Amino acid sequence: MRATFMYGPGDVRVENVPGPSIVESTDAIVRITLACVCGSDLHPYHSMGKSDEGVPMGHEFLGVVEETGSQITGLKRGDFVVSPFAFADNTCPICRDGFHTACPHGSWYGAGGVGGAQAEAIRVPEADGTLVKIPPDADPALLPSLLALSDVYLTGYPPPTWAGSSPARP
């Protein structure tokens, strides 16, 4: 499959790499149908040190579930999904307090052996707690706007506990 990597300032490459596979029973493989570039991708574009190993890029995407691990109960092949910019279990006390980016079972796309979303497919750890289904009959004209749910909305909207209300899934 094709995936995008950054090797240093201004050095972005699209390369052919093996496709993702299920590593943990809580993983899903998602075929990416729509992705975008985030401002946080632009900072290293200008300032990252040169590297012989590329860093996977991207964390904003919509896609179709292609495969699920044995412990996945809320998703199935063919589900259309949006992912937040980081993955999390959505069950631990930290997630329940609304701080999914601090989940002890979560992390960031493009780190720790998890690919980036500027690719044809991605492995999503903690898929049941991370991926949110989109209605299959969603208007295609609205899909680019749904990318705002993967990062921009989550970045600008504080967790419910900050506002004094009870936690809720984004």
C-alpha atoms as a PDB file:
ATOM      1  CA  MET A   1       0.000   0.000   0.000  1.00  0.00           C
ATOM      2  CA  ARG A   2       1.045   3.630  -0.265  1.00  0.00           C
ATOM      3  CA  ALA A   3       1.777   5.692   2.856  1.00  0.00           C
ATOM      4  CA  THR A   4       3.313   9.101   3.541  1.00  0.00           C
ATOM      5  CA  PHE A   5       6.459   9.662   5.605  1.00  0.00           C
ATOM      6  CA  MET A   6       8.423  12.729   6.624  1.00  0.00           C
ATOM      7  CA  TYR A   7      12.231  12.479   6.614  1.00  0.00           C
ATOM      8  CA  GLY A   8      13.123  16.047   7.497  1.00  0.00           C
ATOM      9  CA  PRO A   9      12.207  19.653   6.773  1.00  0.00           C
ATOM     10  CA  GLY A  10      10.325  19.713   3.481  1.00  0.00           C
ATOM     11  CA  ASP A  11      11.176  16.057   2.798  1.00  0.00           C
ATOM     12  CA  VAL A  12       7.861  14.227   2.484  1.00  0.00           C
ATOM     13  CA  ARG A  13       7.680  10.968   0.544  1.00  0.00           C
ATOM     14  CA  VAL A  14       4.892   8.633  -0.516  1.00  0.00           C
ATOM     15  CA  GLU A  15       6.231   5.092  -0.328  1.00  0.00           C
ATOM     16  CA  ASN A  16       5.050   1.560  -0.934  1.00  0.00           C
ATOM     17  CA  VAL A  17       4.953  -0.340   2.363  1.00  0.00           C
ATOM     18  CA  PRO A  18       3.283  -3.518   3.631  1.00  0.00           C
ATOM     19  CA  GLY A  19      -0.339  -3.024   4.614  1.00  0.00           C
ATOM     20  CA  PRO A  20      -1.323  -3.038   8.289  1.00  0.00           C
ATOM     21  CA  SER A  21      -2.376  -6.182  10.077  1.00  0.00           C
ATOM     22  CA  ILE A  22      -4.116  -7.042  13.325  1.00  0.00           C
ATOM     23  CA  VAL A  23      -1.533  -7.067  16.143  1.00  0.00           C
ATOM     24  CA  GLU A  24      -3.762  -7.007  19.231  1.00  0.00           C
ATOM     25  CA  SER A  25      -7.242  -8.477  19.617  1.00  0.00           C
ATOM     26  CA  THR A  26      -8.551  -4.919  20.190  1.00  0.00           C
ATOM     27  CA  ASP A  27      -7.326  -3.671  16.771  1.00  0.00           C
ATOM     28  CA  ALA A  28      -9.222  -2.901  13.591  1.00  0.00           C
ATOM     29  CA  ILE A  29      -7.895  -2.305  10.112  1.00  0.00           C
ATOM     30  CA  VAL A  30      -9.513   0.675   8.379  1.00  0.00           C
ATOM     31  CA  ARG A  31      -9.293   1.459   4.667  1.00  0.00           C
ATOM     32  CA  ILE A  32      -8.930   5.221   4.565  1.00  0.00           C
ATOM     33  CA  THR A  33     -11.358   6.966   2.247  1.00  0.00           C
ATOM     34  CA  LEU A  34     -10.738  10.589   3.231  1.00  0.00           C
ATOM     35  CA  ALA A  35      -7.920  12.256   5.148  1.00  0.00           C
ATOM     36  CA  CYS A  36      -6.465  15.717   5.585  1.00  0.00           C
ATOM     37  CA  VAL A  37      -3.307  17.430   6.759  1.00  0.00           C
ATOM     38  CA  CYS A  38      -3.297  18.981  10.220  1.00  0.00           C
ATOM     39  CA  GLY A  39      -1.369  22.010  11.366  1.00  0.00           C
ATOM     40  CA  SER A  40       0.567  19.711  13.689  1.00  0.00           C
ATOM     41  CA  ASP A  41       1.914  18.005  10.543  1.00  0.00           C
ATOM     42  CA  LEU A  42       3.216  21.352   9.325  1.00  0.00           C
ATOM     43  CA  HIS A  43       5.401  22.107  12.368  1.00  0.00           C
ATOM     44  CA  PRO A  44       7.814  19.204  11.760  1.00  0.00           C
ATOM     45  CA  TYR A  45       7.639  19.954   8.020  1.00  0.00           C
ATOM     46  CA  HIS A  46       9.585  23.116   8.811  1.00  0.00           C
ATOM     47  CA  SER A  47      11.646  22.070  11.814  1.00  0.00           C
ATOM     48  CA  MET A  48      12.134  18.319  12.248  1.00  0.00           C
ATOM     49  CA  GLY A  49      15.661  16.979  12.208  1.00  0.00           C
ATOM     50  CA  LYS A  50      16.682  14.851   9.240  1.00  0.00           C
ATOM     51  CA  SER A  51      16.116  11.151   9.723  1.00  0.00           C
ATOM     52  CA  ASP A  52      17.089   7.992   7.839  1.00  0.00           C
ATOM     53  CA  GLU A  53      13.796   6.474   8.964  1.00  0.00           C
ATOM     54  CA  GLY A  54      10.681   8.302   7.911  1.00  0.00           C
ATOM     55  CA  VAL A  55       8.037   9.261  10.432  1.00  0.00           C
ATOM     56  CA  PRO A  56       4.494   8.179   9.428  1.00  0.00           C
ATOM     57  CA  MET A  57       2.224  11.162   8.810  1.00  0.00           C
ATOM     58  CA  GLY A  58      -1.440  11.832   9.459  1.00  0.00           C
ATOM     59  CA  HIS A  59      -4.085  11.360  12.126  1.00  0.00           C
ATOM     60  CA  GLU A  60      -7.316  12.753  10.647  1.00  0.00           C
ATOM     61  CA  PHE A  61      -9.394  10.278   8.671  1.00  0.00           C
ATOM     62  CA  LEU A  62     -12.655   8.670   7.683  1.00  0.00           C
ATOM     63  CA  GLY A  63     -12.704   5.118   6.449  1.00  0.00           C
ATOM     64  CA  VAL A  64     -14.260   1.696   6.166  1.00  0.00           C
ATOM     65  CA  VAL A  65     -13.553  -1.110   8.628  1.00  0.00           C
ATOM     66  CA  GLU A  66     -11.920  -3.964   6.720  1.00  0.00           C
ATOM     67  CA  GLU A  67     -10.992  -6.325   9.555  1.00  0.00           C
ATOM     68  CA  THR A  68     -11.418  -6.542  13.329  1.00  0.00           C
ATOM     69  CA  GLY A  69      -9.605  -8.278  16.157  1.00  0.00           C
ATOM     70  CA  SER A  70     -11.315 -11.009  18.150  1.00  0.00           C
ATOM     71  CA  GLN A  71     -12.285  -8.718  21.076  1.00  0.00           C
ATOM     72  CA  ILE A  72     -14.001  -6.071  18.928  1.00  0.00           C
ATOM     73  CA  THR A  73     -17.734  -6.021  19.666  1.00  0.00           C
ATOM     74  CA  GLY A  74     -18.988  -2.639  18.443  1.00  0.00           C
ATOM     75  CA  LEU A  75     -17.657  -2.673  14.882  1.00  0.00           C
ATOM     76  CA  LYS A  76     -17.853  -4.951  11.896  1.00  0.00           C
ATOM     77  CA  ARG A  77     -16.433  -5.163   8.411  1.00  0.00           C
ATOM     78  CA  GLY A  78     -18.013  -2.520   6.205  1.00  0.00           C
ATOM     79  CA  ASP A  79     -18.775   0.033   8.958  1.00  0.00           C
ATOM     80  CA  PHE A  80     -18.026   3.609   7.897  1.00  0.00           C
ATOM     81  CA  VAL A  81     -16.111   5.370  10.695  1.00  0.00           C
ATOM     82  CA  VAL A  82     -14.393   8.552  11.837  1.00  0.00           C
ATOM     83  CA  SER A  83     -11.448   8.464  14.213  1.00  0.00           C
ATOM     84  CA  PRO A  84     -10.319  11.047  16.731  1.00  0.00           C
ATOM     85  CA  PHE A  85      -6.704  12.167  16.328  1.00  0.00           C
ATOM     86  CA  ALA A  86      -5.475   9.760  19.028  1.00  0.00           C
ATOM     87  CA  PHE A  87      -6.659   6.310  20.004  1.00  0.00           C
ATOM     88  CA  ALA A  88      -7.886   5.349  23.478  1.00  0.00           C
ATOM     89  CA  ASP A  89      -9.815   2.577  25.213  1.00  0.00           C
ATOM     90  CA  ASN A  90     -12.663   4.929  26.265  1.00  0.00           C
ATOM     91  CA  THR A  91     -13.261   2.800  29.386  1.00  0.00           C
ATOM     92  CA  CYS A  92     -10.496   3.670  31.851  1.00  0.00           C
ATOM     93  CA  PRO A  93     -11.029   6.332  34.556  1.00  0.00           C
ATOM     94  CA  ILE A  94      -8.907   8.837  32.624  1.00  0.00           C
ATOM     95  CA  CYS A  95     -11.026   8.441  29.469  1.00  0.00           C
ATOM     96  CA  ARG A  96     -14.211   8.566  31.514  1.00  0.00           C
ATOM     97  CA  ASP A  97     -12.999  11.921  32.852  1.00  0.00           C
ATOM     98  CA  GLY A  98     -12.700  13.121  29.261  1.00  0.00           C
ATOM     99  CA  PHE A  99      -8.927  13.039  28.862  1.00  0.00           C
ATOM    100  CA  HIS A 100      -8.624  10.441  26.094  1.00  0.00           C
ATOM    101  CA  THR A 101      -5.185  11.667  25.025  1.00  0.00           C
ATOM    102  CA  ALA A 102      -3.843  10.600  28.450  1.00  0.00           C
ATOM    103  CA  CYS A 103      -5.317   7.075  28.259  1.00  0.00           C
ATOM    104  CA  PRO A 104      -2.750   4.556  29.570  1.00  0.00           C
ATOM    105  CA  HIS A 105      -3.787   2.164  26.777  1.00  0.00           C
ATOM    106  CA  GLY A 106      -3.818   4.808  24.056  1.00  0.00           C
ATOM    107  CA  SER A 107      -1.337   6.771  22.018  1.00  0.00           C
ATOM    108  CA  TRP A 108      -0.903   8.727  18.808  1.00  0.00           C
ATOM    109  CA  TYR A 109      -1.126   7.617  15.207  1.00  0.00           C
ATOM    110  CA  GLY A 110       2.314   7.538  13.623  1.00  0.00           C
ATOM    111  CA  ALA A 111       4.062   6.481  16.854  1.00  0.00           C
ATOM    112  CA  GLY A 112       4.987   3.236  18.584  1.00  0.00           C
ATOM    113  CA  GLY A 113       4.586   1.036  15.523  1.00  0.00           C
ATOM    114  CA  VAL A 114       1.176   2.414  14.572  1.00  0.00           C
ATOM    115  CA  GLY A 115       1.104   3.928  11.098  1.00  0.00           C
ATOM    116  CA  GLY A 116      -0.137   7.315  10.081  1.00  0.00           C
ATOM    117  CA  ALA A 117      -3.409   8.166   8.379  1.00  0.00           C
ATOM    118  CA  GLN A 118      -1.842   9.662   5.258  1.00  0.00           C
ATOM    119  CA  ALA A 119      -2.017   6.133   3.865  1.00  0.00           C
ATOM    120  CA  GLU A 120      -4.357   3.751   2.121  1.00  0.00           C
ATOM    121  CA  ALA A 121      -5.080   1.846   5.348  1.00  0.00           C
ATOM    122  CA  ILE A 122      -4.294   2.019   9.047  1.00  0.00           C
ATOM    123  CA  ARG A 123      -4.259  -0.227  12.109  1.00  0.00           C
ATOM    124  CA  VAL A 124      -6.432   1.319  14.828  1.00  0.00           C
ATOM    125  CA  PRO A 125      -5.557   0.049  18.305  1.00  0.00           C
ATOM    126  CA  GLU A 126      -8.360   0.127  20.904  1.00  0.00           C
ATOM    127  CA  ALA A 127     -10.798   0.311  17.991  1.00  0.00           C
ATOM    128  CA  ASP A 128     -14.006  -0.152  20.024  1.00  0.00           C
ATOM    129  CA  GLY A 129     -13.096   2.853  22.169  1.00  0.00           C
ATOM    130  CA  THR A 130     -11.733   4.961  19.331  1.00  0.00           C
ATOM    131  CA  LEU A 131     -13.747   4.627  16.148  1.00  0.00           C
ATOM    132  CA  VAL A 132     -17.163   6.243  15.834  1.00  0.00           C
ATOM    133  CA  LYS A 133     -19.618   4.950  13.229  1.00  0.00           C
ATOM    134  CA  ILE A 134     -20.946   7.301  10.583  1.00  0.00           C
ATOM    135  CA  PRO A 135     -24.314   6.479   8.999  1.00  0.00           C
ATOM    136  CA  PRO A 136     -23.664   4.584   5.757  1.00  0.00           C
ATOM    137  CA  ASP A 137     -26.061   6.870   3.894  1.00  0.00           C
ATOM    138  CA  ALA A 138     -24.223  10.075   4.915  1.00  0.00           C
ATOM    139  CA  ASP A 139     -24.372  12.688   2.161  1.00  0.00           C
ATOM    140  CA  PRO A 140     -21.028  12.481   0.269  1.00  0.00           C
ATOM    141  CA  ALA A 141     -20.990  16.279   0.028  1.00  0.00           C
ATOM    142  CA  LEU A 142     -20.746  16.427   3.847  1.00  0.00           C
ATOM    143  CA  LEU A 143     -17.847  13.996   4.212  1.00  0.00           C
ATOM    144  CA  PRO A 144     -15.052  16.611   4.047  1.00  0.00           C
ATOM    145  CA  SER A 145     -16.821  18.479   6.847  1.00  0.00           C
ATOM    146  CA  LEU A 146     -16.848  15.317   8.957  1.00  0.00           C
ATOM    147  CA  LEU A 147     -13.056  15.448   9.034  1.00  0.00           C
ATOM    148  CA  ALA A 148     -13.527  18.310  11.500  1.00  0.00           C
ATOM    149  CA  LEU A 149     -14.787  15.646  13.936  1.00  0.00           C
ATOM    150  CA  SER A 150     -11.446  13.850  13.755  1.00  0.00           C
ATOM    151  CA  ASP A 151      -9.308  16.696  15.069  1.00  0.00           C
ATOM    152  CA  VAL A 152     -10.393  20.311  14.825  1.00  0.00           C
ATOM    153  CA  TYR A 153     -13.617  19.825  16.792  1.00  0.00           C
ATOM    154  CA  LEU A 154     -11.922  17.677  19.434  1.00  0.00           C
ATOM    155  CA  THR A 155      -9.064  20.143  19.828  1.00  0.00           C
ATOM    156  CA  GLY A 156     -11.336  23.141  20.266  1.00  0.00           C
ATOM    157  CA  TYR A 157     -14.091  21.506  22.321  1.00  0.00           C
ATOM    158  CA  PRO A 158     -13.075  20.831  25.923  1.00  0.00           C
ATOM    159  CA  PRO A 159     -13.907  17.525  27.599  1.00  0.00           C
ATOM    160  CA  PRO A 160     -17.339  17.633  29.267  1.00  0.00           C
ATOM    161  CA  THR A 161     -15.777  17.492  32.742  1.00  0.00           C
ATOM    162  CA  TRP A 162     -14.073  20.832  32.107  1.00  0.00           C
ATOM    163  CA  ALA A 163     -17.496  22.368  31.736  1.00  0.00           C
ATOM    164  CA  GLY A 164     -18.732  20.647  34.906  1.00  0.00           C
ATOM    165  CA  SER A 165     -21.032  18.134  33.179  1.00  0.00           C
ATOM    166  CA  SER A 166     -20.761  14.375  33.148  1.00  0.00           C
ATOM    167  CA  PRO A 167     -18.311  12.671  30.755  1.00  0.00           C
ATOM    168  CA  ALA A 168     -19.595  11.595  27.383  1.00  0.00           C
ATOM    169  CA  ARG A 169     -18.055   9.966  24.366  1.00  0.00           C
ATOM    170  CA  PRO A 170     -17.037  12.543  21.744  1.00  0.00           C
END
